[in-house]
């Protein structure tokens, strides 16, 4: 079995990031908690957004954490899959829209 960077048990060790800079970790975790608290969006909606973003930034730890959070907040796999597709569409569109920049540059160079 080959070694790889991602180790699922490390997610449970996330709080260790504060061991060498506890004052910064405290600020991060306070802010993080406030971001995910019920507000204009429900905790369920925020978990679905986070799941989509986790896929867009390709963070396996976040995918694990927010899959669990979505299920705990009452989402089903159909809703979660749709959130992943929304993230994929935005990521794909963001790549494609840069094609306009390519076309502009090509025209500037007299090639388009």
N, C-alpha and C. Protein backbone atom coordinates (compact mmCIF):
# COMPACT_ATOMS: atom_id res chain seq x y z
N UNK A 1 0.85 -1.18 0.00
CA UNK A 1 0.00 0.00 0.00
C UNK A 1 0.89 1.24 0.00
N UNK A 2 0.66 2.13 -0.92
CA UNK A 2 1.52 3.31 -1.03
C UNK A 2 1.06 4.41 -0.07
N UNK A 3 2.00 5.20 0.34
CA UNK A 3 1.71 6.35 1.19
C UNK A 3 1.08 7.45 0.35
N UNK A 4 0.25 8.23 0.95
CA UNK A 4 -0.31 9.39 0.28
C UNK A 4 -0.43 10.51 1.29
N UNK A 5 -0.65 11.70 0.79
CA UNK A 5 -0.66 12.89 1.63
C UNK A 5 -1.87 12.93 2.57
N UNK A 6 -3.01 12.54 2.07
CA UNK A 6 -4.24 12.62 2.84
C UNK A 6 -4.37 11.44 3.79
N UNK A 7 -4.59 11.73 5.06
CA UNK A 7 -4.83 10.70 6.08
C UNK A 7 -6.09 11.11 6.84
N UNK A 8 -7.18 10.42 6.60
CA UNK A 8 -8.47 10.77 7.18
C UNK A 8 -8.42 11.03 8.68
N UNK A 9 -7.66 10.27 9.47
CA UNK A 9 -7.62 10.54 10.92
C UNK A 9 -7.06 11.92 11.28
N UNK A 10 -6.33 12.54 10.36
CA UNK A 10 -5.77 13.87 10.64
C UNK A 10 -6.85 14.93 10.81
N UNK A 11 -8.02 14.72 10.23
CA UNK A 11 -9.10 15.69 10.39
C UNK A 11 -9.42 15.92 11.86
N UNK A 12 -9.42 14.87 12.64
CA UNK A 12 -9.71 14.98 14.07
C UNK A 12 -8.62 15.74 14.82
N UNK A 13 -7.47 15.93 14.18
CA UNK A 13 -6.34 16.62 14.81
C UNK A 13 -6.27 18.09 14.42
N UNK A 14 -7.29 18.59 13.74
CA UNK A 14 -7.27 19.95 13.21
C UNK A 14 -6.95 21.00 14.28
N UNK A 15 -7.43 20.80 15.47
CA UNK A 15 -7.20 21.78 16.54
C UNK A 15 -5.72 21.93 16.88
N UNK A 16 -4.90 20.96 16.49
CA UNK A 16 -3.47 21.04 16.76
C UNK A 16 -2.79 22.20 16.04
N UNK A 17 -3.46 22.77 15.03
CA UNK A 17 -2.84 23.90 14.32
C UNK A 17 -2.59 25.07 15.26
N UNK A 18 -3.25 25.07 16.40
CA UNK A 18 -3.09 26.16 17.34
C UNK A 18 -1.99 25.97 18.38
N UNK A 19 -1.31 24.86 18.35
CA UNK A 19 -0.33 24.59 19.39
C UNK A 19 0.83 25.59 19.42
N UNK A 20 1.26 26.05 18.28
CA UNK A 20 2.39 26.98 18.25
C UNK A 20 1.97 28.43 18.09
N UNK A 21 0.68 28.68 17.89
CA UNK A 21 0.17 30.04 17.78
C UNK A 21 -1.27 30.06 18.31
N UNK A 22 -1.42 29.80 19.61
CA UNK A 22 -2.78 29.66 20.16
C UNK A 22 -3.65 30.91 19.99
N UNK A 23 -3.05 32.08 20.06
CA UNK A 23 -3.84 33.31 19.92
C UNK A 23 -4.42 33.44 18.52
N UNK A 24 -3.67 33.01 17.52
CA UNK A 24 -4.19 33.06 16.15
C UNK A 24 -5.22 31.97 15.91
N UNK A 25 -4.99 30.78 16.43
CA UNK A 25 -5.96 29.70 16.29
C UNK A 25 -7.28 30.06 16.96
N UNK A 26 -7.19 30.67 18.12
CA UNK A 26 -8.41 31.08 18.82
C UNK A 26 -9.23 32.05 17.97
N UNK A 27 -8.56 33.00 17.36
CA UNK A 27 -9.25 33.97 16.50
C UNK A 27 -9.89 33.26 15.31
N UNK A 28 -9.13 32.34 14.70
CA UNK A 28 -9.67 31.60 13.56
C UNK A 28 -10.89 30.80 13.97
N UNK A 29 -10.79 30.02 15.04
CA UNK A 29 -11.90 29.15 15.44
C UNK A 29 -13.12 29.95 15.90
N UNK A 30 -12.90 31.10 16.53
CA UNK A 30 -14.03 31.97 16.89
C UNK A 30 -14.74 32.47 15.63
N UNK A 31 -13.95 32.94 14.66
CA UNK A 31 -14.50 33.44 13.40
C UNK A 31 -15.21 32.31 12.65
N UNK A 32 -14.57 31.18 12.57
CA UNK A 32 -15.12 30.02 11.87
C UNK A 32 -16.47 29.62 12.48
N UNK A 33 -16.53 29.59 13.79
CA UNK A 33 -17.78 29.26 14.47
C UNK A 33 -18.88 30.27 14.16
N UNK A 34 -18.51 31.55 14.12
CA UNK A 34 -19.49 32.59 13.81
C UNK A 34 -19.98 32.47 12.37
N UNK A 35 -19.08 32.14 11.45
CA UNK A 35 -19.45 32.00 10.05
C UNK A 35 -20.50 30.90 9.88
N UNK A 36 -20.33 29.80 10.57
CA UNK A 36 -21.22 28.65 10.39
C UNK A 36 -22.44 28.66 11.31
N UNK A 37 -22.57 29.67 12.15
CA UNK A 37 -23.75 29.78 13.02
C UNK A 37 -24.96 30.19 12.19
N UNK A 38 -26.12 29.80 12.66
CA UNK A 38 -27.38 30.18 12.01
C UNK A 38 -27.42 31.70 11.88
N UNK A 39 -27.80 32.16 10.72
CA UNK A 39 -27.92 33.60 10.46
C UNK A 39 -28.96 33.78 9.37
N UNK A 40 -28.64 34.60 8.37
CA UNK A 40 -29.54 34.75 7.23
C UNK A 40 -29.67 33.42 6.49
N UNK A 41 -28.61 32.60 6.55
CA UNK A 41 -28.64 31.25 6.00
C UNK A 41 -28.72 30.26 7.16
N UNK A 42 -29.40 29.15 6.92
CA UNK A 42 -29.47 28.12 7.95
C UNK A 42 -28.14 27.37 8.02
N UNK A 43 -27.93 26.65 9.10
CA UNK A 43 -26.73 25.81 9.21
C UNK A 43 -26.72 24.76 8.10
N UNK A 44 -27.88 24.28 7.73
CA UNK A 44 -28.00 23.29 6.65
C UNK A 44 -27.56 23.89 5.32
N UNK A 45 -28.02 25.09 5.03
CA UNK A 45 -27.62 25.76 3.78
C UNK A 45 -26.12 26.03 3.75
N UNK A 46 -25.58 26.46 4.88
CA UNK A 46 -24.15 26.74 4.95
C UNK A 46 -23.33 25.46 4.77
N UNK A 47 -23.81 24.35 5.30
CA UNK A 47 -23.10 23.08 5.13
C UNK A 47 -23.09 22.66 3.66
N UNK A 48 -24.20 22.87 2.95
CA UNK A 48 -24.26 22.54 1.53
C UNK A 48 -23.31 23.43 0.72
N UNK A 49 -23.27 24.71 1.06
CA UNK A 49 -22.32 25.62 0.39
C UNK A 49 -20.90 25.16 0.65
N UNK A 50 -20.61 24.85 1.90
CA UNK A 50 -19.26 24.40 2.27
C UNK A 50 -18.88 23.12 1.54
N UNK A 51 -19.84 22.21 1.37
CA UNK A 51 -19.56 20.97 0.65
C UNK A 51 -19.19 21.27 -0.80
N UNK A 52 -19.93 22.16 -1.43
CA UNK A 52 -19.62 22.54 -2.81
C UNK A 52 -18.25 23.18 -2.91
N UNK A 53 -17.95 24.11 -2.00
CA UNK A 53 -16.65 24.77 -2.00
C UNK A 53 -15.54 23.76 -1.74
N UNK A 54 -15.77 22.82 -0.83
CA UNK A 54 -14.77 21.80 -0.53
C UNK A 54 -14.39 21.02 -1.78
N UNK A 55 -15.37 20.75 -2.62
CA UNK A 55 -15.08 20.06 -3.88
C UNK A 55 -14.35 20.99 -4.85
N UNK A 56 -14.75 22.25 -4.90
CA UNK A 56 -14.10 23.19 -5.82
C UNK A 56 -12.63 23.40 -5.47
N UNK A 57 -12.31 23.43 -4.16
CA UNK A 57 -10.91 23.62 -3.76
C UNK A 57 -10.21 22.28 -3.56
N UNK A 58 -10.94 21.20 -3.73
CA UNK A 58 -10.43 19.83 -3.68
C UNK A 58 -9.72 19.51 -2.37
N UNK A 59 -10.41 19.79 -1.27
CA UNK A 59 -9.87 19.50 0.07
C UNK A 59 -10.55 18.23 0.60
N UNK A 60 -9.83 17.10 0.62
CA UNK A 60 -10.46 15.86 1.07
C UNK A 60 -10.92 15.92 2.53
N UNK A 61 -10.21 16.66 3.36
CA UNK A 61 -10.62 16.80 4.76
C UNK A 61 -11.96 17.53 4.84
N UNK A 62 -12.08 18.60 4.06
CA UNK A 62 -13.32 19.38 4.05
C UNK A 62 -14.47 18.57 3.45
N UNK A 63 -14.17 17.79 2.41
CA UNK A 63 -15.21 16.94 1.81
C UNK A 63 -15.74 15.97 2.86
N UNK A 64 -14.84 15.34 3.61
CA UNK A 64 -15.28 14.44 4.68
C UNK A 64 -16.11 15.18 5.72
N UNK A 65 -15.58 16.31 6.19
CA UNK A 65 -16.24 17.05 7.27
C UNK A 65 -17.61 17.56 6.85
N UNK A 66 -17.72 18.10 5.63
CA UNK A 66 -18.99 18.69 5.23
C UNK A 66 -19.97 17.68 4.66
N UNK A 67 -19.49 16.52 4.24
CA UNK A 67 -20.42 15.43 3.93
C UNK A 67 -21.14 15.05 5.22
N UNK A 68 -20.36 14.88 6.27
CA UNK A 68 -20.95 14.53 7.57
C UNK A 68 -21.86 15.65 8.07
N UNK A 69 -21.41 16.90 7.96
CA UNK A 69 -22.23 18.03 8.43
C UNK A 69 -23.55 18.12 7.66
N UNK A 70 -23.49 17.92 6.35
CA UNK A 70 -24.72 17.96 5.55
C UNK A 70 -25.70 16.88 6.00
N UNK A 71 -25.19 15.68 6.20
CA UNK A 71 -26.07 14.59 6.64
C UNK A 71 -26.65 14.89 8.02
N UNK A 72 -25.82 15.43 8.92
CA UNK A 72 -26.30 15.79 10.27
C UNK A 72 -27.36 16.88 10.22
N UNK A 73 -27.27 17.77 9.23
CA UNK A 73 -28.22 18.87 9.12
C UNK A 73 -29.47 18.49 8.31
N UNK A 74 -29.55 17.22 7.88
CA UNK A 74 -30.76 16.74 7.23
C UNK A 74 -30.73 16.72 5.71
N UNK A 75 -29.60 17.01 5.10
CA UNK A 75 -29.51 16.93 3.64
C UNK A 75 -29.42 15.47 3.21
N UNK A 76 -29.86 15.21 2.00
CA UNK A 76 -29.71 13.86 1.46
C UNK A 76 -28.67 13.88 0.34
N UNK A 77 -28.33 12.70 -0.16
CA UNK A 77 -27.26 12.64 -1.16
C UNK A 77 -27.66 13.31 -2.47
N UNK A 78 -28.94 13.37 -2.78
CA UNK A 78 -29.36 14.07 -3.99
C UNK A 78 -29.05 15.56 -3.88
N UNK A 79 -29.37 16.16 -2.74
CA UNK A 79 -29.07 17.58 -2.53
C UNK A 79 -27.56 17.83 -2.51
N UNK A 80 -26.84 16.93 -1.86
CA UNK A 80 -25.39 17.08 -1.77
C UNK A 80 -24.74 16.96 -3.14
N UNK A 81 -25.23 16.01 -3.93
CA UNK A 81 -24.69 15.84 -5.28
C UNK A 81 -24.97 17.07 -6.12
N UNK A 82 -26.14 17.65 -5.97
CA UNK A 82 -26.48 18.87 -6.71
C UNK A 82 -25.55 20.02 -6.29
N UNK A 83 -25.24 20.13 -5.01
CA UNK A 83 -24.31 21.16 -4.54
C UNK A 83 -22.93 20.97 -5.17
N UNK A 84 -22.50 19.73 -5.30
CA UNK A 84 -21.20 19.44 -5.93
C UNK A 84 -21.24 19.83 -7.41
N UNK A 85 -22.36 19.56 -8.07
CA UNK A 85 -22.48 19.94 -9.48
C UNK A 85 -22.49 21.46 -9.65
N UNK A 86 -23.12 22.18 -8.74
CA UNK A 86 -23.10 23.64 -8.80
C UNK A 86 -21.65 24.13 -8.70
N UNK A 87 -20.90 23.59 -7.76
CA UNK A 87 -19.49 23.99 -7.61
C UNK A 87 -18.70 23.65 -8.86
N UNK A 88 -18.94 22.49 -9.44
CA UNK A 88 -18.22 22.08 -10.65
C UNK A 88 -18.57 23.01 -11.82
N UNK A 89 -19.83 23.40 -11.93
CA UNK A 89 -20.24 24.30 -13.00
C UNK A 89 -19.58 25.66 -12.86
N UNK A 90 -19.51 26.17 -11.64
CA UNK A 90 -18.85 27.46 -11.41
C UNK A 90 -17.37 27.36 -11.72
N UNK A 91 -16.75 26.28 -11.27
CA UNK A 91 -15.32 26.11 -11.53
C UNK A 91 -15.06 25.96 -13.03
N UNK A 92 -15.90 25.20 -13.72
CA UNK A 92 -15.76 25.05 -15.16
C UNK A 92 -15.99 26.36 -15.89
N UNK A 93 -17.01 27.07 -15.49
CA UNK A 93 -17.30 28.36 -16.10
C UNK A 93 -16.19 29.37 -15.87
N UNK A 94 -15.61 29.33 -14.69
CA UNK A 94 -14.50 30.25 -14.39
C UNK A 94 -13.31 29.96 -15.29
N UNK A 95 -13.09 28.70 -15.59
CA UNK A 95 -12.01 28.35 -16.53
C UNK A 95 -12.35 28.82 -17.93
N UNK A 96 -13.57 28.56 -18.36
CA UNK A 96 -13.96 28.91 -19.72
C UNK A 96 -14.00 30.41 -19.97
N UNK A 97 -14.44 31.18 -18.99
CA UNK A 97 -14.54 32.63 -19.20
C UNK A 97 -13.17 33.25 -19.42
N UNK A 98 -12.12 32.59 -18.94
CA UNK A 98 -10.77 33.09 -19.21
C UNK A 98 -10.41 32.92 -20.69
N UNK A 99 -11.20 32.15 -21.41
CA UNK A 99 -11.02 32.06 -22.85
C UNK A 99 -11.21 33.40 -23.53
N UNK A 100 -12.02 34.27 -22.94
CA UNK A 100 -12.19 35.63 -23.47
C UNK A 100 -10.86 36.39 -23.37
N UNK A 101 -10.17 36.21 -22.26
CA UNK A 101 -8.86 36.84 -22.09
C UNK A 101 -7.90 36.33 -23.17
N UNK A 102 -7.93 35.03 -23.43
CA UNK A 102 -7.08 34.45 -24.47
C UNK A 102 -7.41 35.06 -25.83
N UNK A 103 -8.70 35.20 -26.11
CA UNK A 103 -9.12 35.77 -27.39
C UNK A 103 -8.69 37.22 -27.50
N UNK A 104 -8.82 37.98 -26.41
CA UNK A 104 -8.37 39.38 -26.41
C UNK A 104 -6.88 39.48 -26.70
N UNK A 105 -6.09 38.64 -26.04
CA UNK A 105 -4.64 38.67 -26.23
C UNK A 105 -4.25 38.25 -27.65
N UNK A 106 -4.95 37.25 -28.14
CA UNK A 106 -4.69 36.79 -29.50
C UNK A 106 -4.95 37.92 -30.50
N UNK A 107 -6.03 38.65 -30.29
CA UNK A 107 -6.34 39.79 -31.17
C UNK A 107 -5.28 40.89 -31.04
N UNK A 108 -4.83 41.14 -29.80
CA UNK A 108 -3.78 42.16 -29.59
C UNK A 108 -2.52 41.80 -30.37
N UNK A 109 -2.23 40.54 -30.45
CA UNK A 109 -1.04 40.08 -31.15
C UNK A 109 -1.25 39.94 -32.66
N UNK A 110 -2.48 40.30 -33.10
CA UNK A 110 -2.79 40.24 -34.51
C UNK A 110 -2.98 38.85 -35.05
N UNK A 111 -3.29 37.92 -34.17
CA UNK A 111 -3.43 36.53 -34.56
C UNK A 111 -4.89 36.07 -34.55
N UNK A 112 -5.79 36.94 -34.12
CA UNK A 112 -7.16 36.47 -33.94
C UNK A 112 -8.16 37.12 -34.81
